[in-house]
Amino acid sequence: MAEVAKVDDRRRITLPREVGVSPGESVIIIDARSYFLGIPIPSDPLVSSGSWLNDARDVKELKRAAERRAEEDATSRAKRRDQG
């Protein structure tokens, strides 16, 4: 699903209702050069992960790994589109 959001004069973005993020929720914003990627963050990510996240690393290590992987992915996608 693709939705359009406008940036106001204070650099705020109002998301359409169809996006499914409620006011007050946190979203990770990844700058992928020519576009932004927004990923909603559950209020308790560890509980939301259930049994599929079975890793011995602590939360800080997992966060660093996720951020590093997201940056690599965004850079790779931009290069494939000749934007890098």
PDB file of N, CA and C in Angstrom:
ATOM      1  N   MET A   1       0.840  -1.171   0.000  1.00  0.00           N
ATOM      2  CA  MET A   1       0.000   0.000   0.000  1.00  0.00           C
ATOM      3  C   MET A   1       0.886   1.236   0.000  1.00  0.00           C
ATOM      4  N   ALA A   2       0.620   2.162  -0.868  1.00  0.00           N
ATOM      5  CA  ALA A   2       1.353   3.426  -0.913  1.00  0.00           C
ATOM      6  C   ALA A   2       0.386   4.556  -0.591  1.00  0.00           C
ATOM      7  N   GLU A   3       0.780   5.394   0.329  1.00  0.00           N
ATOM      8  CA  GLU A   3      -0.022   6.549   0.721  1.00  0.00           C
ATOM      9  C   GLU A   3       0.855   7.794   0.611  1.00  0.00           C
ATOM     10  N   VAL A   4       0.236   8.930   0.411  1.00  0.00           N
ATOM     11  CA  VAL A   4       0.958  10.187   0.299  1.00  0.00           C
ATOM     12  C   VAL A   4       0.740  10.989   1.570  1.00  0.00           C
ATOM     13  N   ALA A   5       1.827  11.511   2.121  1.00  0.00           N
ATOM     14  CA  ALA A   5       1.753  12.377   3.298  1.00  0.00           C
ATOM     15  C   ALA A   5       2.465  13.683   2.957  1.00  0.00           C
ATOM     16  N   LYS A   6       1.973  14.788   3.489  1.00  0.00           N
ATOM     17  CA  LYS A   6       2.579  16.087   3.218  1.00  0.00           C
ATOM     18  C   LYS A   6       3.371  16.556   4.436  1.00  0.00           C
ATOM     19  N   VAL A   7       4.455  17.274   4.163  1.00  0.00           N
ATOM     20  CA  VAL A   7       5.267  17.864   5.212  1.00  0.00           C
ATOM     21  C   VAL A   7       4.811  19.308   5.384  1.00  0.00           C
ATOM     22  N   ASP A   8       4.505  19.705   6.634  1.00  0.00           N
ATOM     23  CA  ASP A   8       4.053  21.085   6.847  1.00  0.00           C
ATOM     24  C   ASP A   8       5.245  22.014   7.066  1.00  0.00           C
ATOM     25  N   ASP A   9       4.968  23.297   7.320  1.00  0.00           N
ATOM     26  CA  ASP A   9       6.043  24.283   7.446  1.00  0.00           C
ATOM     27  C   ASP A   9       6.928  24.061   8.675  1.00  0.00           C
ATOM     28  N   ARG A  10       6.488  23.211   9.606  1.00  0.00           N
ATOM     29  CA  ARG A  10       7.307  22.874  10.781  1.00  0.00           C
ATOM     30  C   ARG A  10       7.968  21.501  10.613  1.00  0.00           C
ATOM     31  N   ARG A  11       7.984  21.017   9.366  1.00  0.00           N
ATOM     32  CA  ARG A  11       8.619  19.740   8.994  1.00  0.00           C
ATOM     33  C   ARG A  11       7.944  18.534   9.637  1.00  0.00           C
ATOM     34  N   ARG A  12       6.663  18.650   9.937  1.00  0.00           N
ATOM     35  CA  ARG A  12       5.907  17.528  10.491  1.00  0.00           C
ATOM     36  C   ARG A  12       5.182  16.813   9.364  1.00  0.00           C
ATOM     37  N   ILE A  13       4.979  15.528   9.551  1.00  0.00           N
ATOM     38  CA  ILE A  13       4.265  14.712   8.572  1.00  0.00           C
ATOM     39  C   ILE A  13       3.002  14.191   9.231  1.00  0.00           C
ATOM     40  N   THR A  14       1.877  14.363   8.555  1.00  0.00           N
ATOM     41  CA  THR A  14       0.626  13.798   9.017  1.00  0.00           C
ATOM     42  C   THR A  14       0.333  12.587   8.151  1.00  0.00           C
ATOM     43  N   LEU A  15       0.264  11.424   8.783  1.00  0.00           N
ATOM     44  CA  LEU A  15       0.038  10.193   8.036  1.00  0.00           C
ATOM     45  C   LEU A  15      -1.450   9.959   7.807  1.00  0.00           C
ATOM     46  N   PRO A  16      -1.817   9.454   6.643  1.00  0.00           N
ATOM     47  CA  PRO A  16      -3.218   9.115   6.388  1.00  0.00           C
ATOM     48  C   PRO A  16      -3.686   8.015   7.351  1.00  0.00           C
ATOM     49  N   ARG A  17      -4.962   7.999   7.675  1.00  0.00           N
ATOM     50  CA  ARG A  17      -5.517   6.984   8.589  1.00  0.00           C
ATOM     51  C   ARG A  17      -5.254   5.568   8.102  1.00  0.00           C
ATOM     52  N   GLU A  18      -5.234   5.390   6.794  1.00  0.00           N
ATOM     53  CA  GLU A  18      -5.055   4.057   6.208  1.00  0.00           C
ATOM     54  C   GLU A  18      -3.696   3.437   6.546  1.00  0.00           C
ATOM     55  N   VAL A  19      -2.743   4.256   6.954  1.00  0.00           N
ATOM     56  CA  VAL A  19      -1.406   3.746   7.260  1.00  0.00           C
ATOM     57  C   VAL A  19      -1.434   2.834   8.476  1.00  0.00           C
ATOM     58  N   GLY A  20      -2.316   3.071   9.413  1.00  0.00           N
ATOM     59  CA  GLY A  20      -2.479   2.160  10.543  1.00  0.00           C
ATOM     60  C   GLY A  20      -1.602   2.466  11.745  1.00  0.00           C
ATOM     61  N   VAL A  21      -1.022   3.653  11.814  1.00  0.00           N
ATOM     62  CA  VAL A  21      -0.246   4.061  12.982  1.00  0.00           C
ATOM     63  C   VAL A  21      -1.095   5.054  13.758  1.00  0.00           C
ATOM     64  N   SER A  22      -1.268   4.807  15.047  1.00  0.00           N
ATOM     65  CA  SER A  22      -2.099   5.668  15.886  1.00  0.00           C
ATOM     66  C   SER A  22      -1.290   6.824  16.461  1.00  0.00           C
ATOM     67  N   PRO A  23      -1.959   7.945  16.760  1.00  0.00           N
ATOM     68  CA  PRO A  23      -1.258   9.072  17.390  1.00  0.00           C
ATOM     69  C   PRO A  23      -0.578   8.616  18.682  1.00  0.00           C
ATOM     70  N   GLY A  24       0.648   9.071  18.880  1.00  0.00           N
ATOM     71  CA  GLY A  24       1.399   8.713  20.079  1.00  0.00           C
ATOM     72  C   GLY A  24       2.304   7.504  19.906  1.00  0.00           C
ATOM     73  N   GLU A  25       2.090   6.723  18.855  1.00  0.00           N
ATOM     74  CA  GLU A  25       2.951   5.572  18.615  1.00  0.00           C
ATOM     75  C   GLU A  25       4.295   6.032  18.073  1.00  0.00           C
ATOM     76  N   SER A  26       5.331   5.244  18.335  1.00  0.00           N
ATOM     77  CA  SER A  26       6.670   5.562  17.836  1.00  0.00           C
ATOM     78  C   SER A  26       6.921   4.847  16.519  1.00  0.00           C
ATOM     79  N   VAL A  27       7.678   5.517  15.651  1.00  0.00           N
ATOM     80  CA  VAL A  27       8.018   4.973  14.339  1.00  0.00           C
ATOM     81  C   VAL A  27       9.496   5.240  14.090  1.00  0.00           C
ATOM     82  N   ILE A  28      10.221   4.223  13.630  1.00  0.00           N
ATOM     83  CA  ILE A  28      11.605   4.424  13.213  1.00  0.00           C
ATOM     84  C   ILE A  28      11.560   4.995  11.800  1.00  0.00           C
ATOM     85  N   ILE A  29      12.291   6.084  11.573  1.00  0.00           N
ATOM     86  CA  ILE A  29      12.377   6.687  10.245  1.00  0.00           C
ATOM     87  C   ILE A  29      13.786   6.447   9.710  1.00  0.00           C
ATOM     88  N   ILE A  30      13.880   5.784   8.579  1.00  0.00           N
ATOM     89  CA  ILE A  30      15.166   5.506   7.955  1.00  0.00           C
ATOM     90  C   ILE A  30      15.260   6.336   6.687  1.00  0.00           C
ATOM     91  N   ASP A  31      16.294   7.165   6.630  1.00  0.00           N
ATOM     92  CA  ASP A  31      16.533   8.005   5.455  1.00  0.00           C
ATOM     93  C   ASP A  31      17.240   7.153   4.405  1.00  0.00           C
ATOM     94  N   ALA A  32      16.545   6.867   3.335  1.00  0.00           N
ATOM     95  CA  ALA A  32      17.106   6.057   2.253  1.00  0.00           C
ATOM     96  C   ALA A  32      17.381   6.948   1.043  1.00  0.00           C
ATOM     97  N   ARG A  33      17.937   8.083   1.309  1.00  0.00           N
ATOM     98  CA  ARG A  33      18.328   9.091   0.322  1.00  0.00           C
ATOM     99  C   ARG A  33      17.144   9.723  -0.389  1.00  0.00           C
ATOM    100  N   SER A  34      16.551   9.073  -1.366  1.00  0.00           N
ATOM    101  CA  SER A  34      15.467   9.708  -2.108  1.00  0.00           C
ATOM    102  C   SER A  34      14.090   9.391  -1.531  1.00  0.00           C
ATOM    103  N   TYR A  35      14.045   8.609  -0.472  1.00  0.00           N
ATOM    104  CA  TYR A  35      12.772   8.307   0.185  1.00  0.00           C
ATOM    105  C   TYR A  35      13.026   7.997   1.647  1.00  0.00           C
ATOM    106  N   PHE A  36      11.963   7.921   2.443  1.00  0.00           N
ATOM    107  CA  PHE A  36      12.043   7.560   3.847  1.00  0.00           C
ATOM    108  C   PHE A  36      11.286   6.265   4.061  1.00  0.00           C
ATOM    109  N   LEU A  37      11.771   5.478   4.983  1.00  0.00           N
ATOM    110  CA  LEU A  37      11.112   4.236   5.347  1.00  0.00           C
ATOM    111  C   LEU A  37      10.679   4.366   6.798  1.00  0.00           C
ATOM    112  N   GLY A  38       9.395   4.190   7.075  1.00  0.00           N
ATOM    113  CA  GLY A  38       8.881   4.286   8.439  1.00  0.00           C
ATOM    114  C   GLY A  38       8.459   2.919   8.943  1.00  0.00           C
ATOM    115  N   ILE A  39       8.992   2.532  10.100  1.00  0.00           N
ATOM    116  CA  ILE A  39       8.684   1.230  10.681  1.00  0.00           C
ATOM    117  C   ILE A  39       8.087   1.445  12.065  1.00  0.00           C
ATOM    118  N   PRO A  40       6.820   1.075  12.265  1.00  0.00           N
ATOM    119  CA  PRO A  40       6.205   1.243  13.590  1.00  0.00           C
ATOM    120  C   PRO A  40       6.932   0.399  14.636  1.00  0.00           C
ATOM    121  N   ILE A  41       7.054   0.954  15.846  1.00  0.00           N
ATOM    122  CA  ILE A  41       7.690   0.246  16.950  1.00  0.00           C
ATOM    123  C   ILE A  41       6.596  -0.160  17.934  1.00  0.00           C
ATOM    124  N   PRO A  42       6.455  -1.462  18.211  1.00  0.00           N
ATOM    125  CA  PRO A  42       5.467  -1.889  19.205  1.00  0.00           C
ATOM    126  C   PRO A  42       5.802  -1.300  20.572  1.00  0.00           C
ATOM    127  N   SER A  43       4.791  -1.104  21.424  1.00  0.00           N
ATOM    128  CA  SER A  43       5.044  -0.520  22.743  1.00  0.00           C
ATOM    129  C   SER A  43       5.994  -1.389  23.567  1.00  0.00           C
ATOM    130  N   ASP A  44       5.936  -2.699  23.402  1.00  0.00           N
ATOM    131  CA  ASP A  44       6.880  -3.606  24.063  1.00  0.00           C
ATOM    132  C   ASP A  44       7.398  -4.592  23.026  1.00  0.00           C
ATOM    133  N   PRO A  45       8.459  -4.222  22.315  1.00  0.00           N
ATOM    134  CA  PRO A  45       8.940  -5.049  21.214  1.00  0.00           C
ATOM    135  C   PRO A  45       9.289  -6.484  21.598  1.00  0.00           C
ATOM    136  N   LEU A  46       9.842  -6.680  22.782  1.00  0.00           N
ATOM    137  CA  LEU A  46      10.217  -8.036  23.179  1.00  0.00           C
ATOM    138  C   LEU A  46       8.993  -8.918  23.379  1.00  0.00           C
ATOM    139  N   VAL A  47       7.937  -8.369  23.946  1.00  0.00           N
ATOM    140  CA  VAL A  47       6.706  -9.139  24.121  1.00  0.00           C
ATOM    141  C   VAL A  47       6.066  -9.397  22.761  1.00  0.00           C
ATOM    142  N   SER A  48       6.083  -8.379  21.894  1.00  0.00           N
ATOM    143  CA  SER A  48       5.483  -8.520  20.571  1.00  0.00           C
ATOM    144  C   SER A  48       6.209  -9.537  19.703  1.00  0.00           C
ATOM    145  N   SER A  49       7.499  -9.734  19.969  1.00  0.00           N
ATOM    146  CA  SER A  49       8.264 -10.677  19.162  1.00  0.00           C
ATOM    147  C   SER A  49       7.867 -12.121  19.426  1.00  0.00           C
ATOM    148  N   GLY A  50       7.271 -12.368  20.577  1.00  0.00           N
ATOM    149  CA  GLY A  50       6.836 -13.734  20.888  1.00  0.00           C
ATOM    150  C   GLY A  50       7.984 -14.712  20.846  1.00  0.00           C
ATOM    151  N   SER A  51       7.765 -15.845  20.262  1.00  0.00           N
ATOM    152  CA  SER A  51       8.785 -16.891  20.249  1.00  0.00           C
ATOM    153  C   SER A  51       9.701 -16.814  19.031  1.00  0.00           C
ATOM    154  N   TRP A  52       9.394 -15.970  18.049  1.00  0.00           N
ATOM    155  CA  TRP A  52      10.224 -15.938  16.846  1.00  0.00           C
ATOM    156  C   TRP A  52      11.570 -15.261  17.066  1.00  0.00           C
ATOM    157  N   LEU A  53      11.705 -14.464  18.156  1.00  0.00           N
ATOM    158  CA  LEU A  53      12.981 -13.819  18.442  1.00  0.00           C
ATOM    159  C   LEU A  53      13.680 -14.594  19.557  1.00  0.00           C
ATOM    160  N   ASN A  54      14.492 -15.529  19.147  1.00  0.00           N
ATOM    161  CA  ASN A  54      15.223 -16.342  20.102  1.00  0.00           C
ATOM    162  C   ASN A  54      16.704 -16.077  19.888  1.00  0.00           C
ATOM    163  N   ASP A  55      17.233 -15.094  20.619  1.00  0.00           N
ATOM    164  CA  ASP A  55      18.609 -14.661  20.411  1.00  0.00           C
ATOM    165  C   ASP A  55      19.257 -14.385  21.762  1.00  0.00           C
ATOM    166  N   ALA A  56      20.505 -14.743  21.904  1.00  0.00           N
ATOM    167  CA  ALA A  56      21.209 -14.563  23.170  1.00  0.00           C
ATOM    168  C   ALA A  56      21.738 -13.139  23.342  1.00  0.00           C
ATOM    169  N   ARG A  57      21.705 -12.314  22.282  1.00  0.00           N
ATOM    170  CA  ARG A  57      22.215 -10.951  22.385  1.00  0.00           C
ATOM    171  C   ARG A  57      21.273 -10.085  23.205  1.00  0.00           C
ATOM    172  N   ASP A  58      21.833  -9.063  23.869  1.00  0.00           N
ATOM    173  CA  ASP A  58      20.979  -8.163  24.635  1.00  0.00           C
ATOM    174  C   ASP A  58      20.323  -7.143  23.698  1.00  0.00           C
ATOM    175  N   VAL A  59      19.439  -6.349  24.244  1.00  0.00           N
ATOM    176  CA  VAL A  59      18.638  -5.418  23.448  1.00  0.00           C
ATOM    177  C   VAL A  59      19.521  -4.417  22.695  1.00  0.00           C
ATOM    178  N   LYS A  60      20.565  -3.902  23.347  1.00  0.00           N
ATOM    179  CA  LYS A  60      21.437  -2.919  22.681  1.00  0.00           C
ATOM    180  C   LYS A  60      22.156  -3.538  21.486  1.00  0.00           C
ATOM    181  N   GLU A  61      22.617  -4.762  21.645  1.00  0.00           N
ATOM    182  CA  GLU A  61      23.287  -5.439  20.537  1.00  0.00           C
ATOM    183  C   GLU A  61      22.323  -5.691  19.384  1.00  0.00           C
ATOM    184  N   LEU A  62      21.102  -6.105  19.716  1.00  0.00           N
ATOM    185  CA  LEU A  62      20.094  -6.346  18.685  1.00  0.00           C
ATOM    186  C   LEU A  62      19.762  -5.054  17.945  1.00  0.00           C
ATOM    187  N   LYS A  63      19.642  -3.950  18.690  1.00  0.00           N
ATOM    188  CA  LYS A  63      19.324  -2.666  18.072  1.00  0.00           C
ATOM    189  C   LYS A  63      20.434  -2.245  17.114  1.00  0.00           C
ATOM    190  N   ARG A  64      21.686  -2.355  17.552  1.00  0.00           N
ATOM    191  CA  ARG A  64      22.808  -1.986  16.680  1.00  0.00           C
ATOM    192  C   ARG A  64      22.821  -2.843  15.415  1.00  0.00           C
ATOM    193  N   ALA A  65      22.583  -4.140  15.586  1.00  0.00           N
ATOM    194  CA  ALA A  65      22.574  -5.041  14.427  1.00  0.00           C
ATOM    195  C   ALA A  65      21.442  -4.672  13.468  1.00  0.00           C
ATOM    196  N   ALA A  66      20.265  -4.352  14.014  1.00  0.00           N
ATOM    197  CA  ALA A  66      19.119  -3.989  13.174  1.00  0.00           C
ATOM    198  C   ALA A  66      19.379  -2.689  12.428  1.00  0.00           C
ATOM    199  N   GLU A  67      19.932  -1.699  13.116  1.00  0.00           N
ATOM    200  CA  GLU A  67      20.217  -0.423  12.466  1.00  0.00           C
ATOM    201  C   GLU A  67      21.272  -0.590  11.373  1.00  0.00           C
ATOM    202  N   ARG A  68      22.300  -1.382  11.647  1.00  0.00           N
ATOM    203  CA  ARG A  68      23.352  -1.627  10.656  1.00  0.00           C
ATOM    204  C   ARG A  68      22.770  -2.326   9.433  1.00  0.00           C
ATOM    205  N   ARG A  69      21.931  -3.326   9.663  1.00  0.00           N
ATOM    206  CA  ARG A  69      21.322  -4.075   8.544  1.00  0.00           C
ATOM    207  C   ARG A  69      20.365  -3.192   7.746  1.00  0.00           C
ATOM    208  N   ALA A  70      19.581  -2.350   8.425  1.00  0.00           N
ATOM    209  CA  ALA A  70      18.658  -1.454   7.731  1.00  0.00           C
ATOM    210  C   ALA A  70      19.415  -0.459   6.860  1.00  0.00           C
ATOM    211  N   GLU A  71      20.534   0.058   7.373  1.00  0.00           N
ATOM    212  CA  GLU A  71      21.341   0.992   6.590  1.00  0.00           C
ATOM    213  C   GLU A  71      21.943   0.297   5.367  1.00  0.00           C
ATOM    214  N   GLU A  72      22.452  -0.918   5.557  1.00  0.00           N
ATOM    215  CA  GLU A  72      23.003  -1.673   4.433  1.00  0.00           C
ATOM    216  C   GLU A  72      21.933  -1.930   3.377  1.00  0.00           C
ATOM    217  N   ASP A  73      20.739  -2.296   3.830  1.00  0.00           N
ATOM    218  CA  ASP A  73      19.646  -2.589   2.905  1.00  0.00           C
ATOM    219  C   ASP A  73      19.236  -1.335   2.130  1.00  0.00           C
ATOM    220  N   ALA A  74      19.099  -0.215   2.833  1.00  0.00           N
ATOM    221  CA  ALA A  74      18.695   1.029   2.175  1.00  0.00           C
ATOM    222  C   ALA A  74      19.743   1.469   1.157  1.00  0.00           C
ATOM    223  N   THR A  75      21.026   1.352   1.525  1.00  0.00           N
ATOM    224  CA  THR A  75      22.104   1.723   0.606  1.00  0.00           C
ATOM    225  C   THR A  75      22.107   0.814  -0.616  1.00  0.00           C
ATOM    226  N   SER A  76      21.929  -0.471  -0.393  1.00  0.00           N
ATOM    227  CA  SER A  76      21.895  -1.434  -1.494  1.00  0.00           C
ATOM    228  C   SER A  76      20.744  -1.138  -2.450  1.00  0.00           C
ATOM    229  N   ARG A  77      19.570  -0.841  -1.896  1.00  0.00           N
ATOM    230  CA  ARG A  77      18.410  -0.523  -2.744  1.00  0.00           C
ATOM    231  C   ARG A  77      18.642   0.754  -3.542  1.00  0.00           C
ATOM    232  N   ALA A  78      19.237   1.758  -2.905  1.00  0.00           N
ATOM    233  CA  ALA A  78      19.504   3.018  -3.599  1.00  0.00           C
ATOM    234  C   ALA A  78      20.501   2.802  -4.744  1.00  0.00           C
ATOM    235  N   LYS A  79      21.521   1.984  -4.508  1.00  0.00           N
ATOM    236  CA  LYS A  79      22.506   1.710  -5.555  1.00  0.00           C
ATOM    237  C   LYS A  79      21.871   0.968  -6.721  1.00  0.00           C
ATOM    238  N   ARG A  80      20.968   0.040  -6.417  1.00  0.00           N
ATOM    239  CA  ARG A  80      20.291  -0.695  -7.493  1.00  0.00           C
ATOM    240  C   ARG A  80      19.444   0.230  -8.339  1.00  0.00           C
ATOM    241  N   ARG A  81      18.968   1.311  -7.755  1.00  0.00           N
ATOM    242  CA  ARG A  81      18.146   2.278  -8.485  1.00  0.00           C
ATOM    243  C   ARG A  81      18.986   3.422  -9.032  1.00  0.00           C
ATOM    244  N   ASP A  82      20.302   3.264  -9.020  1.00  0.00           N
ATOM    245  CA  ASP A  82      21.233   4.287  -9.486  1.00  0.00           C
ATOM    246  C   ASP A  82      21.057   5.617  -8.753  1.00  0.00           C
ATOM    247  N   GLN A  83      20.759   5.531  -7.437  1.00  0.00           N
ATOM    248  CA  GLN A  83      20.596   6.736  -6.645  1.00  0.00           C
ATOM    249  C   GLN A  83      21.715   6.861  -5.622  1.00  0.00           C
ATOM    250  N   GLY A  84      22.627   5.927  -5.571  1.00  0.00           N
ATOM    251  CA  GLY A  84      23.669   5.935  -4.556  1.00  0.00           C
ATOM    252  C   GLY A  84      24.906   6.490  -5.092  1.00  0.00           C
TER     253      GLY A  84
END
